[in-house]
């Protein structure tokens, strides 16, 4: 293996990121010349504390001490209509993902096609013996997307059942639709050992109670993560001017849901080695902490545009540190022509393009704070009240009139003028364009191949109940077939090129992802064969799995590849592969 140069990592980034730096140095001679960084300067607001954590270090794993195994089989189901059911009227999801095993508490989601009127309807599920009813559960709205589905959470207890096929029969009343599915339960003994013994654990810090699942990357890195959580809490306290009356509860999940972070009464953030959302973990934590403190600070109506904008502003960016006004200026009509007018954005924020909405919200809050001061902004923000029409834009307009003497249209005019005054930097234009494309493709991937992760209908449960009942599978398992690994590592490679301003290379990887997803939707039998990069990532993922590891990241250079991989002991190692006449081989 070529000699490696080690970097000193200044900030306490994840161990994964430290390893990525090592791999990228090893490939430096193959990479194109770095495009010049943007010349514009900015001061992230508010200021951050000095980071003092030591850098994580790589502990090499010289040899394997276990026998490579095949990937776990997945559960199968076969749909067979027993009465007339309209074509594509219903789809069904089982949880947890990644196969169902004897002993699981299984959840069922019966999803109706758009346009069906099922507000008064319910589903009855029966198992094997049609005289034995499992449960009856009602259709309702699920997630911020408001998807129509009937959801039975942990309602099928498979403890004590036999391994193999079981028949589930579903009936929708009062319509009378009925169909059956055959579901295969895998043996409890075939569950991977780390999953079989995983359980909830906790760590207390000055600010927070951190809950996590053992036998995961979270447990491996919990000391560093706990220190980062505490640092972000102290920064957020300083920014908002209030402390935590009660400890913040943070659930660190070992699978990606949405873009990696959610906040309600508790915070849930994703942490895993193959994080294809490629966000800055400490910024996600800061963003969600801002939501908690914001909610505790009061306000009759806090419009979504400003709620998310405030969290982006306080974190210093959305997924990464960013100059909000400069990047928002790239959206203007004469630049990328992607700007979303404020009134419709405020009224339908979460249905709008995600990255554009958050960027505009963050830049708008920054503009208000820098123009009128924090106290004036806070006074306006905490004094917004619902409009009779239900329009958040109208509510904002009334509060602006009361506090500043002008409405939303005048604010937007001034905001656009401030954006027009920003330099038209082609680097930031391309960065914004590709960021939007990256996450649009990410969400498309989730809808097709990781639907529990899709942010508008993410499989987010009552984590307090999960802890009390010892349920871990819903957050421990996620799709990990070779095709998933190949696509997720394509995303990760693209994210590196995007972060280092290698835009052409980033787009090449996104092109590969896009072509594969097109092939999936067209029903191709071998969708990853449509692009050579995708085919290589699939072949490398299979070679690494045969060697007894799971791929977490792939960096290719000609006929060589460097792979970040995890083994049975959760230690991250680097593998070197070469392309031979017989395919990719681990060296």
Protein backbone atom coordinates (compact mmCIF):
# COMPACT_ATOMS: atom_id res chain seq x y z
CA UNK A 1 0.00 0.00 0.00
CA UNK A 2 1.36 3.47 -0.81
CA UNK A 3 2.83 5.41 2.08
CA UNK A 4 0.25 7.58 3.85
CA UNK A 5 0.62 11.09 5.20
CA UNK A 6 -1.23 11.85 8.45
CA UNK A 7 -3.08 15.11 9.03
CA UNK A 8 -3.65 16.89 12.32
CA UNK A 9 -7.40 17.39 12.49
CA UNK A 10 -7.99 20.76 14.12
CA UNK A 11 -11.63 20.40 15.05
CA UNK A 12 -13.11 17.38 16.84
CA UNK A 13 -14.58 15.83 13.75
CA UNK A 14 -15.84 12.32 13.57
CA UNK A 15 -13.33 9.52 13.35
CA UNK A 16 -14.81 8.75 9.95
CA UNK A 17 -13.83 12.17 8.66
CA UNK A 18 -10.29 11.76 9.93
CA UNK A 19 -10.01 8.56 7.93
CA UNK A 20 -11.44 10.21 4.85
CA UNK A 21 -8.68 12.79 5.04
CA UNK A 22 -6.07 10.01 5.04
CA UNK A 23 -7.61 8.30 2.03
CA UNK A 24 -7.90 11.48 0.06
CA UNK A 25 -4.25 12.29 0.65
CA UNK A 26 -3.34 8.87 -0.68
CA UNK A 27 -5.29 9.73 -3.84
CA UNK A 28 -4.05 13.32 -4.10
CA UNK A 29 -1.76 12.57 -7.03
CA UNK A 30 -4.77 11.39 -9.04
CA UNK A 31 -7.07 14.28 -8.25
CA UNK A 32 -7.45 17.37 -10.44
CA UNK A 33 -6.12 20.73 -9.34
CA UNK A 34 -8.39 22.26 -6.74
CA UNK A 35 -10.50 25.13 -7.95
CA UNK A 36 -9.74 28.36 -6.10
CA UNK A 37 -11.85 28.91 -3.00
CA UNK A 38 -14.39 31.74 -3.07
CA UNK A 39 -12.79 35.10 -2.40
CA UNK A 40 -15.70 36.55 -0.46
CA UNK A 41 -15.28 36.59 3.30
CA UNK A 42 -17.84 36.39 6.06
CA UNK A 43 -18.09 36.16 9.81
CA UNK A 44 -20.19 33.24 10.97
CA UNK A 45 -22.86 34.45 13.39
CA UNK A 46 -22.95 34.04 16.30
CA UNK A 47 -19.31 33.36 17.34
CA UNK A 48 -18.41 29.85 18.41
CA UNK A 49 -16.41 28.55 21.33
CA UNK A 50 -12.85 27.35 20.91
CA UNK A 51 -12.72 23.64 20.20
CA UNK A 52 -10.33 21.80 22.48
CA UNK A 53 -11.02 18.12 21.96
CA UNK A 54 -8.07 16.02 20.78
CA UNK A 55 -8.30 14.65 17.24
CA UNK A 56 -9.49 11.08 16.87
CA UNK A 57 -6.84 8.61 15.76
CA UNK A 58 -6.95 5.58 13.51
CA UNK A 59 -6.36 2.22 15.16
CA UNK A 60 -5.39 -0.16 12.36
CA UNK A 61 -6.78 -3.66 12.38
CA UNK A 62 -4.02 -5.79 10.84
CA UNK A 63 -5.79 -9.11 10.43
CA UNK A 64 -9.24 -10.57 10.45
CA UNK A 65 -10.16 -12.85 13.33
CA UNK A 66 -13.54 -13.98 12.12
CA UNK A 67 -15.00 -15.96 9.27
CA UNK A 68 -16.61 -13.91 6.51
CA UNK A 69 -20.33 -14.44 6.32
CA UNK A 70 -22.93 -13.81 3.68
CA UNK A 71 -25.26 -10.85 4.18
CA UNK A 72 -28.38 -11.68 6.19
CA UNK A 73 -31.35 -12.77 4.10
CA UNK A 74 -34.29 -10.43 3.81
CA UNK A 75 -37.93 -11.09 4.48
CA UNK A 76 -40.09 -11.67 1.45
CA UNK A 77 -43.75 -10.99 0.85
CA UNK A 78 -46.05 -11.87 -2.01
CA UNK A 79 -49.18 -9.85 -2.73
CA UNK A 80 -52.28 -11.71 -3.83
CA UNK A 81 -55.65 -9.94 -4.02
CA UNK A 82 -58.50 -12.02 -2.67
CA UNK A 83 -61.24 -9.52 -3.58
CA UNK A 84 -61.31 -6.70 -6.11
CA UNK A 85 -58.74 -4.10 -5.10
CA UNK A 86 -58.10 -1.14 -7.43
CA UNK A 87 -54.72 -1.27 -9.13
CA UNK A 88 -52.00 0.38 -7.02
CA UNK A 89 -54.59 1.34 -4.41
CA UNK A 90 -52.49 0.22 -1.46
CA UNK A 91 -48.87 -0.46 -0.68
CA UNK A 92 -47.53 -1.98 2.50
CA UNK A 93 -44.37 -1.44 4.52
CA UNK A 94 -43.07 -3.67 7.29
CA UNK A 95 -40.86 -2.41 10.09
CA UNK A 96 -38.12 -2.94 11.13
CA UNK A 97 -36.24 -2.75 7.82
CA UNK A 98 -33.67 -5.24 6.65
CA UNK A 99 -35.62 -8.44 7.17
CA UNK A 100 -38.07 -9.70 9.79
CA UNK A 101 -36.89 -12.18 12.42
CA UNK A 102 -38.75 -14.36 14.89
CA UNK A 103 -38.94 -12.33 18.07
CA UNK A 104 -39.49 -8.98 16.35
CA UNK A 105 -42.28 -6.63 17.33
CA UNK A 106 -43.40 -5.85 13.81
CA UNK A 107 -45.14 -2.66 12.70
CA UNK A 108 -47.34 -2.43 9.60
CA UNK A 109 -48.05 0.60 7.43
CA UNK A 110 -50.88 0.28 4.88
CA UNK A 111 -50.41 3.25 2.55
CA UNK A 112 -53.24 4.40 0.30
CA UNK A 113 -52.78 5.88 -3.15
CA UNK A 114 -53.15 9.68 -3.41
CA UNK A 115 -56.72 10.82 -3.93
CA UNK A 116 -58.44 7.96 -2.12
CA UNK A 117 -60.99 9.08 0.48
CA UNK A 118 -60.29 6.92 3.51
CA UNK A 119 -60.64 9.37 6.41
CA UNK A 120 -63.31 7.15 8.01
CA UNK A 121 -61.77 3.84 6.95
CA UNK A 122 -59.86 1.25 8.97
CA UNK A 123 -57.79 -1.84 8.29
CA UNK A 124 -58.23 -5.20 9.97
CA UNK A 125 -55.18 -7.48 9.88
CA UNK A 126 -55.34 -11.22 10.50
CA UNK A 127 -52.45 -13.69 10.78
CA UNK A 128 -52.52 -17.28 9.41
CA UNK A 129 -55.85 -18.35 10.89
CA UNK A 130 -58.44 -16.00 9.40
CA UNK A 131 -60.48 -16.28 12.60
CA UNK A 132 -57.65 -14.69 14.60
CA UNK A 133 -57.64 -10.89 14.30
CA UNK A 134 -54.30 -9.22 14.88
CA UNK A 135 -55.66 -5.68 15.15
CA UNK A 136 -57.91 -3.07 13.60
CA UNK A 137 -56.27 0.30 12.96
CA UNK A 138 -57.50 3.51 11.37
CA UNK A 139 -56.29 5.52 8.41
CA UNK A 140 -54.79 8.86 9.30
CA UNK A 141 -52.08 11.36 8.41
CA UNK A 142 -48.41 10.30 8.81
CA UNK A 143 -45.37 12.57 8.98
CA UNK A 144 -44.95 16.17 7.93
CA UNK A 145 -45.97 15.07 4.44
CA UNK A 146 -49.37 14.03 5.77
CA UNK A 147 -49.37 10.73 3.90
CA UNK A 148 -52.62 8.77 4.20
CA UNK A 149 -51.89 5.45 5.87
CA UNK A 150 -53.14 3.07 8.52
CA UNK A 151 -50.34 2.33 10.95
CA UNK A 152 -50.06 -0.51 13.44
CA UNK A 153 -47.03 0.14 15.63
CA UNK A 154 -45.41 -2.93 17.23
CA UNK A 155 -48.70 -4.73 16.84
CA UNK A 156 -47.49 -8.09 15.51
CA UNK A 157 -45.56 -9.93 18.21
CA UNK A 158 -43.62 -12.68 16.49
CA UNK A 159 -42.15 -14.18 19.65
CA UNK A 160 -42.86 -17.89 19.73
CA UNK A 161 -43.84 -18.10 16.05
CA UNK A 162 -42.24 -20.55 13.67
CA UNK A 163 -39.56 -19.65 11.19
CA UNK A 164 -40.80 -19.47 7.61
CA UNK A 165 -43.91 -18.27 5.80
CA UNK A 166 -46.94 -16.68 7.47
CA UNK A 167 -50.04 -15.33 5.76
CA UNK A 168 -51.37 -11.89 6.67
CA UNK A 169 -54.83 -10.91 5.43
CA UNK A 170 -55.87 -7.24 5.27
CA UNK A 171 -59.42 -5.90 4.94
CA UNK A 172 -60.30 -2.23 4.47
CA UNK A 173 -63.70 -1.28 5.84
CA UNK A 174 -66.25 0.02 5.02
CA UNK A 175 -65.05 -0.30 1.40
CA UNK A 176 -64.54 -4.07 1.70
CA UNK A 177 -61.19 -4.28 -0.10
CA UNK A 178 -59.29 -7.41 0.93
CA UNK A 179 -55.97 -9.02 0.05
CA UNK A 180 -53.38 -11.38 1.50
CA UNK A 181 -49.60 -11.28 1.81
CA UNK A 182 -47.14 -14.04 2.53
CA UNK A 183 -44.39 -12.92 4.88
CA UNK A 184 -41.24 -14.88 5.68
CA UNK A 185 -39.86 -14.73 9.22
CA UNK A 186 -36.17 -15.48 9.50
CA UNK A 187 -34.81 -17.49 12.42
CA UNK A 188 -33.73 -15.61 15.51
CA UNK A 189 -30.41 -17.47 15.34
CA UNK A 190 -29.61 -15.86 11.97
CA UNK A 191 -29.77 -12.35 13.41
CA UNK A 192 -26.26 -10.80 13.28
CA UNK A 193 -24.62 -11.11 16.72
CA UNK A 194 -24.15 -7.37 17.22
CA UNK A 195 -27.85 -6.80 16.62
CA UNK A 196 -28.92 -9.70 18.81
CA UNK A 197 -27.24 -8.23 21.91
CA UNK A 198 -27.78 -4.51 21.22
CA UNK A 199 -29.66 -2.50 23.82
CA UNK A 200 -30.31 1.07 24.91
CA UNK A 201 -27.68 2.82 27.04
CA UNK A 202 -27.38 6.37 28.41
CA UNK A 203 -24.76 9.00 29.10
CA UNK A 204 -25.35 12.08 31.29
CA UNK A 205 -23.60 15.40 30.62
CA UNK A 206 -24.05 18.80 32.24
CA UNK A 207 -26.65 19.80 29.64
CA UNK A 208 -28.12 16.63 28.38
CA UNK A 209 -29.17 13.02 28.75
CA UNK A 210 -27.86 11.10 25.76
CA UNK A 211 -29.50 7.81 24.78
CA UNK A 212 -27.90 5.48 22.25
CA UNK A 213 -27.84 1.85 21.17
CA UNK A 214 -24.90 -0.38 22.01
CA UNK A 215 -22.81 -2.33 19.49
CA UNK A 216 -22.90 0.61 17.09
CA UNK A 217 -20.57 3.36 15.89
CA UNK A 218 -22.34 5.60 18.41
CA UNK A 219 -21.13 3.48 21.33
CA UNK A 220 -17.63 3.33 19.83
CA UNK A 221 -17.40 7.13 19.65
CA UNK A 222 -19.64 8.10 22.58
CA UNK A 223 -16.91 9.95 24.51
CA UNK A 224 -16.21 12.28 21.59
CA UNK A 225 -19.90 12.67 20.76
CA UNK A 226 -20.83 13.54 24.35
CA UNK A 227 -18.14 16.23 24.44
CA UNK A 228 -19.40 17.66 21.14
CA UNK A 229 -22.97 17.69 22.44
CA UNK A 230 -21.89 19.60 25.54
CA UNK A 231 -19.95 22.13 23.46
CA UNK A 232 -22.90 22.77 21.11
CA UNK A 233 -25.20 23.19 24.11
CA UNK A 234 -22.96 25.86 25.62
CA UNK A 235 -22.80 27.71 22.32
CA UNK A 236 -26.57 27.58 21.88
CA UNK A 237 -27.11 28.84 25.43
CA UNK A 238 -24.83 31.77 24.76
CA UNK A 239 -26.61 32.61 21.50
CA UNK A 240 -30.17 32.39 22.80
CA UNK A 241 -29.45 33.98 26.19
CA UNK A 242 -31.31 31.28 28.09
CA UNK A 243 -30.28 28.05 29.75
CA UNK A 244 -31.90 24.66 29.98
CA UNK A 245 -34.45 24.48 32.77
CA UNK A 246 -34.48 20.70 32.25
CA UNK A 247 -31.83 18.51 30.64
CA UNK A 248 -32.16 18.13 26.89
CA UNK A 249 -32.81 14.54 25.87
CA UNK A 250 -30.83 13.50 22.80
CA UNK A 251 -31.28 10.19 21.02
CA UNK A 252 -28.31 9.36 18.80
CA UNK A 253 -29.60 6.92 16.21
CA UNK A 254 -27.40 4.47 14.30
CA UNK A 255 -29.28 4.90 11.03
CA UNK A 256 -30.00 7.86 8.77
CA UNK A 257 -33.52 9.28 8.98
CA UNK A 258 -34.34 12.24 6.78
CA UNK A 259 -31.33 14.50 6.59
CA UNK A 260 -30.05 13.44 10.00
CA UNK A 261 -31.90 15.47 12.63
CA UNK A 262 -35.36 16.01 14.15
CA UNK A 263 -36.54 17.84 17.26
CA UNK A 264 -39.78 17.67 19.23
CA UNK A 265 -39.72 17.33 23.02
CA UNK A 266 -36.58 15.23 22.46
CA UNK A 267 -33.84 15.51 19.84
CA UNK A 268 -33.05 12.66 17.47
CA UNK A 269 -29.85 12.83 15.43
CA UNK A 270 -28.29 10.22 13.17
CA UNK A 271 -24.69 9.04 13.58
CA UNK A 272 -23.26 6.27 11.44
CA UNK A 273 -20.12 5.64 9.45
CA UNK A 274 -21.89 5.48 6.09
CA UNK A 275 -23.83 8.71 6.48
CA UNK A 276 -24.82 9.44 2.91
CA UNK A 277 -26.39 12.77 3.96
CA UNK A 278 -22.77 13.88 4.51
CA UNK A 279 -23.63 16.64 6.99
CA UNK A 280 -21.56 18.16 9.77
CA UNK A 281 -22.74 16.24 12.83
CA UNK A 282 -22.03 18.98 15.36
CA UNK A 283 -23.98 21.47 13.24
CA UNK A 284 -26.98 19.13 13.10
CA UNK A 285 -26.89 18.89 16.90
CA UNK A 286 -26.62 22.69 17.18
CA UNK A 287 -29.55 23.15 14.77
CA UNK A 288 -31.80 20.83 16.76
CA UNK A 289 -30.75 22.38 20.09
CA UNK A 290 -31.70 25.78 18.70
CA UNK A 291 -35.17 24.37 18.02
CA UNK A 292 -35.50 23.18 21.62
CA UNK A 293 -34.41 26.52 23.08
CA UNK A 294 -36.54 28.40 20.56
CA UNK A 295 -39.61 26.42 21.60
CA UNK A 296 -38.92 27.06 25.29
CA UNK A 297 -38.61 30.80 24.63
CA UNK A 298 -42.29 31.15 23.72
CA UNK A 299 -44.34 32.66 20.95
CA UNK A 300 -47.97 32.33 19.92
CA UNK A 301 -47.11 31.38 16.33
CA UNK A 302 -43.60 30.71 15.11
CA UNK A 303 -43.79 30.39 11.29
CA UNK A 304 -41.85 27.46 9.88
CA UNK A 305 -39.81 29.74 7.60
CA UNK A 306 -38.47 31.61 10.62
CA UNK A 307 -38.22 28.56 12.90
CA UNK A 308 -35.93 26.79 10.46
CA UNK A 309 -34.23 30.00 9.38
CA UNK A 310 -33.33 30.83 12.96
CA UNK A 311 -31.83 27.37 13.54
CA UNK A 312 -29.79 27.63 10.32
CA UNK A 313 -28.58 31.11 11.28
CA UNK A 314 -27.60 30.12 14.82
CA UNK A 315 -25.77 27.00 13.61
CA UNK A 316 -23.82 29.04 11.05
CA UNK A 317 -25.23 27.06 8.12
CA UNK A 318 -27.48 24.16 7.25
CA UNK A 319 -25.43 21.04 6.51
CA UNK A 320 -22.05 22.79 6.72
CA UNK A 321 -20.58 26.19 7.65
CA UNK A 322 -21.69 28.58 4.94
CA UNK A 323 -22.00 32.28 4.08
CA UNK A 324 -25.77 32.48 4.03
CA UNK A 325 -26.24 35.77 2.19
CA UNK A 326 -23.64 34.91 -0.47
CA UNK A 327 -25.17 31.51 -1.14
CA UNK A 328 -28.75 32.84 -1.06
CA UNK A 329 -27.72 35.48 -3.61
CA UNK A 330 -26.87 32.66 -6.02
CA UNK A 331 -30.60 31.84 -6.13
CA UNK A 332 -31.59 35.12 -7.78
CA UNK A 333 -33.39 35.16 -11.11
CA UNK A 334 -30.42 36.44 -13.11
CA UNK A 335 -28.10 33.89 -11.49
CA UNK A 336 -29.55 30.40 -10.88
CA UNK A 337 -33.20 31.51 -11.08
CA UNK A 338 -34.08 29.28 -8.11
CA UNK A 339 -35.30 31.90 -5.64
CA UNK A 340 -38.63 31.10 -3.95
CA UNK A 341 -40.88 34.11 -3.17
CA UNK A 342 -41.33 34.52 0.57
CA UNK A 343 -45.12 34.46 0.88
CA UNK A 344 -45.74 31.07 -0.79
CA UNK A 345 -42.59 29.72 0.87
CA UNK A 346 -43.89 30.75 4.29
CA UNK A 347 -47.29 29.19 3.61
CA UNK A 348 -45.98 25.84 2.37
CA UNK A 349 -42.47 25.66 3.76
CA UNK A 350 -41.94 21.93 4.19
CA UNK A 351 -43.38 21.10 0.78
CA UNK A 352 -41.01 23.56 -0.91
CA UNK A 353 -37.56 22.59 -2.18
CA UNK A 354 -35.77 21.77 1.05
CA UNK A 355 -32.30 23.24 0.59
CA UNK A 356 -33.58 26.45 -1.02
CA UNK A 357 -36.17 27.01 1.71
CA UNK A 358 -33.68 26.51 4.53
CA UNK A 359 -31.06 28.68 2.83
CA UNK A 360 -33.52 31.51 2.25
CA UNK A 361 -34.86 31.21 5.79
CA UNK A 362 -31.37 31.39 7.30
CA UNK A 363 -30.36 34.32 5.12
CA UNK A 364 -33.60 36.17 5.89
CA UNK A 365 -33.06 35.83 9.64
CA UNK A 366 -29.45 36.99 9.23
CA UNK A 367 -30.67 40.01 7.22
CA UNK A 368 -33.24 40.94 9.88
CA UNK A 369 -30.76 40.57 12.76
CA UNK A 370 -28.00 42.50 11.02
CA UNK A 371 -30.37 45.24 9.88
CA UNK A 372 -32.50 45.76 13.00
CA UNK A 373 -30.61 44.00 15.80
CA UNK A 374 -31.29 40.85 17.78
CA UNK A 375 -33.69 42.44 20.27
CA UNK A 376 -35.88 43.92 17.54
CA UNK A 377 -35.92 40.64 15.62
CA UNK A 378 -36.76 38.65 18.75
CA UNK A 379 -39.54 41.08 19.71
CA UNK A 380 -41.12 40.67 16.27
CA UNK A 381 -40.59 36.89 16.13
CA UNK A 382 -42.12 36.23 19.55
CA UNK A 383 -45.15 38.43 18.78
CA UNK A 384 -46.51 36.71 15.67
CA UNK A 385 -50.11 35.54 16.04
CA UNK A 386 -52.23 33.27 13.82
CA UNK A 387 -54.17 34.94 11.03
CA UNK A 388 -57.86 34.12 10.63
CA UNK A 389 -57.07 32.63 7.22
CA UNK A 390 -54.45 30.29 8.66
CA UNK A 391 -51.81 31.84 6.40
CA UNK A 392 -48.39 32.07 8.04
CA UNK A 393 -47.40 34.70 5.46
CA UNK A 394 -50.33 36.90 6.54
CA UNK A 395 -49.40 36.39 10.18
CA UNK A 396 -45.83 37.49 9.45
CA UNK A 397 -47.11 40.50 7.51
CA UNK A 398 -49.24 41.68 10.43
CA UNK A 399 -46.38 41.31 12.92
CA UNK A 400 -43.98 43.15 10.62
CA UNK A 401 -46.45 46.01 10.32
CA UNK A 402 -46.82 46.16 14.09
CA UNK A 403 -43.10 46.11 14.86
CA UNK A 404 -41.40 47.74 11.88
CA UNK A 405 -44.12 49.66 10.05
CA UNK A 406 -43.87 47.67 6.82
CA UNK A 407 -45.19 44.35 5.57
CA UNK A 408 -43.84 41.17 4.05
CA UNK A 409 -43.72 42.58 0.50
CA UNK A 410 -41.56 45.51 1.65
CA UNK A 411 -39.33 43.17 3.65
CA UNK A 412 -38.84 40.97 0.62
CA UNK A 413 -37.98 43.98 -1.54
CA UNK A 414 -35.28 45.04 0.92
CA UNK A 415 -34.05 41.46 1.29
CA UNK A 416 -33.75 41.04 -2.48
CA UNK A 417 -31.85 44.32 -2.73
CA UNK A 418 -29.41 43.08 -0.09
CA UNK A 419 -28.95 39.84 -2.04
CA UNK A 420 -28.41 41.77 -5.27
CA UNK A 421 -25.59 43.65 -3.54
CA UNK A 422 -23.74 40.39 -2.84
CA UNK A 423 -20.96 39.40 -5.27
CA UNK A 424 -22.05 37.09 -8.07
CA UNK A 425 -19.49 34.41 -7.33
CA UNK A 426 -19.60 31.51 -9.83
CA UNK A 427 -18.12 29.16 -7.21
CA UNK A 428 -21.02 29.70 -4.84
CA UNK A 429 -23.48 29.47 -7.71
CA UNK A 430 -22.19 26.05 -8.63
CA UNK A 431 -22.01 24.98 -5.00
CA UNK A 432 -25.67 25.88 -4.46
CA UNK A 433 -26.82 24.26 -7.69
CA UNK A 434 -25.08 20.99 -6.94
CA UNK A 435 -26.16 20.99 -3.29
CA UNK A 436 -29.78 21.21 -4.42
CA UNK A 437 -29.26 18.43 -6.95
CA UNK A 438 -27.43 16.26 -4.41
CA UNK A 439 -30.24 16.33 -1.85
CA UNK A 440 -33.00 16.03 -4.42
CA UNK A 441 -31.33 12.80 -5.56
CA UNK A 442 -30.80 11.71 -1.96
CA UNK A 443 -34.51 12.03 -1.24
CA UNK A 444 -35.33 10.23 -4.48
CA UNK A 445 -33.05 7.39 -3.40
CA UNK A 446 -34.77 7.25 -0.04
CA UNK A 447 -38.24 7.12 -1.57
CA UNK A 448 -37.18 4.24 -3.86
CA UNK A 449 -34.77 2.19 -1.75
CA UNK A 450 -34.83 3.46 1.85
CA UNK A 451 -38.43 4.66 2.30
CA UNK A 452 -38.35 4.64 6.11
CA UNK A 453 -35.71 7.38 5.90
CA UNK A 454 -37.60 9.78 3.59
CA UNK A 455 -37.95 12.97 5.63
CA UNK A 456 -41.59 13.80 4.90
CA UNK A 457 -42.77 10.37 6.07
CA UNK A 458 -39.79 9.18 8.15
CA UNK A 459 -40.28 6.23 10.49
CA UNK A 460 -39.97 8.33 13.65
CA UNK A 461 -41.40 6.67 16.72
CA UNK A 462 -41.88 7.40 20.40
CA UNK A 463 -38.28 6.84 21.46
CA UNK A 464 -39.21 7.05 25.13
CA UNK A 465 -41.43 3.99 24.68
CA UNK A 466 -38.71 2.25 22.72
CA UNK A 467 -36.28 2.74 25.59
CA UNK A 468 -38.80 1.60 28.20
CA UNK A 469 -39.71 -1.52 26.21
CA UNK A 470 -36.17 -2.30 25.08
CA UNK A 471 -37.00 -1.99 21.36
CA UNK A 472 -33.94 -1.29 19.20
CA UNK A 473 -34.56 -2.95 15.83
CA UNK A 474 -36.52 -0.08 14.26
CA UNK A 475 -33.48 2.20 14.54
CA UNK A 476 -30.76 -0.43 14.40
CA UNK A 477 -31.59 -1.97 11.03
CA UNK A 478 -31.60 -0.29 7.69
CA UNK A 479 -31.29 -1.41 4.06
CA UNK A 480 -27.79 -2.78 3.48
CA UNK A 481 -28.02 -4.80 0.29
CA UNK A 482 -25.02 -4.41 -2.04
CA UNK A 483 -26.98 -2.05 -4.28
CA UNK A 484 -27.71 0.20 -1.28
CA UNK A 485 -24.04 0.20 -0.31
CA UNK A 486 -22.98 1.09 -3.84
CA UNK A 487 -25.39 4.00 -4.15
CA UNK A 488 -24.70 5.37 -0.68
CA UNK A 489 -20.94 5.32 -1.28
CA UNK A 490 -21.50 7.13 -4.58
CA UNK A 491 -23.26 9.85 -2.60
CA UNK A 492 -20.41 10.01 -0.09
CA UNK A 493 -17.76 10.33 -2.81
CA UNK A 494 -19.79 13.08 -4.50
CA UNK A 495 -20.14 14.93 -1.21
CA UNK A 496 -16.36 15.01 -0.79
CA UNK A 497 -15.83 16.47 -4.25
CA UNK A 498 -18.56 19.03 -3.61
CA UNK A 499 -17.05 20.04 -0.26
CA UNK A 500 -13.64 20.57 -1.89
CA UNK A 501 -15.03 22.52 -4.89
CA UNK A 502 -14.30 19.76 -7.42
CA UNK A 503 -17.65 20.39 -9.08
CA UNK A 504 -17.16 18.39 -12.28
CA UNK A 505 -16.23 15.28 -10.33
CA UNK A 506 -19.14 15.78 -7.91
CA UNK A 507 -21.55 16.01 -10.82
CA UNK A 508 -20.13 12.88 -12.45
CA UNK A 509 -20.98 10.87 -9.34
CA UNK A 510 -24.44 12.44 -9.16
CA UNK A 511 -24.97 11.56 -12.81
CA UNK A 512 -24.21 7.94 -11.91
CA UNK A 513 -26.74 7.98 -9.08
CA UNK A 514 -29.37 9.60 -11.28
CA UNK A 515 -28.94 7.05 -14.06
CA UNK A 516 -29.21 4.15 -11.61
CA UNK A 517 -32.39 5.54 -10.05
CA UNK A 518 -33.85 6.04 -13.54
CA UNK A 519 -33.06 2.40 -14.29
CA UNK A 520 -34.78 1.30 -11.08
CA UNK A 521 -37.92 3.20 -12.00
CA UNK A 522 -37.86 1.71 -15.49
CA UNK A 523 -37.70 -1.80 -14.05
CA UNK A 524 -34.17 -2.65 -15.20
CA UNK A 525 -32.97 -6.07 -14.04
CA UNK A 526 -29.41 -4.82 -13.38
CA UNK A 527 -29.79 -1.11 -12.65
CA UNK A 528 -26.23 -0.49 -11.43
CA UNK A 529 -24.77 -1.64 -14.74
CA UNK A 530 -25.97 1.54 -16.48
CA UNK A 531 -22.96 3.59 -15.32
CA UNK A 532 -19.35 2.37 -14.91
CA UNK A 533 -18.87 4.18 -11.60
CA UNK A 534 -21.97 2.51 -10.16
CA UNK A 535 -20.87 -0.89 -11.48
CA UNK A 536 -17.44 -0.42 -9.87
CA UNK A 537 -18.91 0.63 -6.53
CA UNK A 538 -21.15 -2.44 -6.56
CA UNK A 539 -18.25 -4.76 -7.42
CA UNK A 540 -16.05 -3.19 -4.73
CA UNK A 541 -18.82 -3.46 -2.14
CA UNK A 542 -19.21 -7.17 -2.94
CA UNK A 543 -15.45 -7.79 -2.79
CA UNK A 544 -15.22 -6.05 0.58
CA UNK A 545 -18.16 -8.04 1.93
CA UNK A 546 -16.56 -11.29 0.77
CA UNK A 547 -13.47 -10.31 2.74
CA UNK A 548 -15.64 -10.05 5.86
CA UNK A 549 -16.13 -6.31 6.06
CA UNK A 550 -18.84 -3.80 5.22
CA UNK A 551 -17.95 -0.87 3.02
CA UNK A 552 -18.48 2.61 4.46
CA UNK A 553 -16.78 4.76 1.81
CA UNK A 554 -15.01 4.26 -1.54
CA UNK A 555 -12.43 6.50 -3.21
CA UNK A 556 -11.31 5.42 -6.66
CA UNK A 557 -8.28 6.35 -8.72
CA UNK A 558 -7.90 4.51 -12.01
CA UNK A 559 -7.54 0.81 -11.30
CA UNK A 560 -7.07 1.33 -7.56
CA UNK A 561 -9.56 2.00 -4.82
CA UNK A 562 -9.26 2.87 -1.16
CA UNK A 563 -12.12 1.74 1.04
CA UNK A 564 -13.18 2.74 4.50
CA UNK A 565 -14.64 -0.42 6.01
CA UNK A 566 -15.99 -1.71 9.29
CA UNK A 567 -15.46 -5.15 10.77
CA UNK A 568 -17.08 -7.18 13.48
CA UNK A 569 -15.41 -5.17 16.24
CA UNK A 570 -16.67 -1.84 14.81
CA UNK A 571 -13.12 -0.62 14.22
CA UNK A 572 -12.77 1.36 11.01
CA UNK A 573 -9.97 0.24 8.77
CA UNK A 574 -8.60 1.13 5.36
CA UNK A 575 -8.55 -1.44 2.58
CA UNK A 576 -6.68 -1.17 -0.70
CA UNK A 577 -8.23 -2.82 -3.77
CA UNK A 578 -6.96 -3.18 -7.34
CA UNK A 579 -8.78 -4.01 -10.52
CA UNK A 580 -7.62 -7.29 -12.02
CA UNK A 581 -8.76 -9.39 -14.94
CA UNK A 582 -10.95 -11.26 -12.48
CA UNK A 583 -12.47 -8.10 -10.97
CA UNK A 584 -11.70 -6.01 -7.90
CA UNK A 585 -9.43 -7.70 -5.37
CA UNK A 586 -8.59 -6.74 -1.78
CA UNK A 587 -4.81 -6.45 -1.38
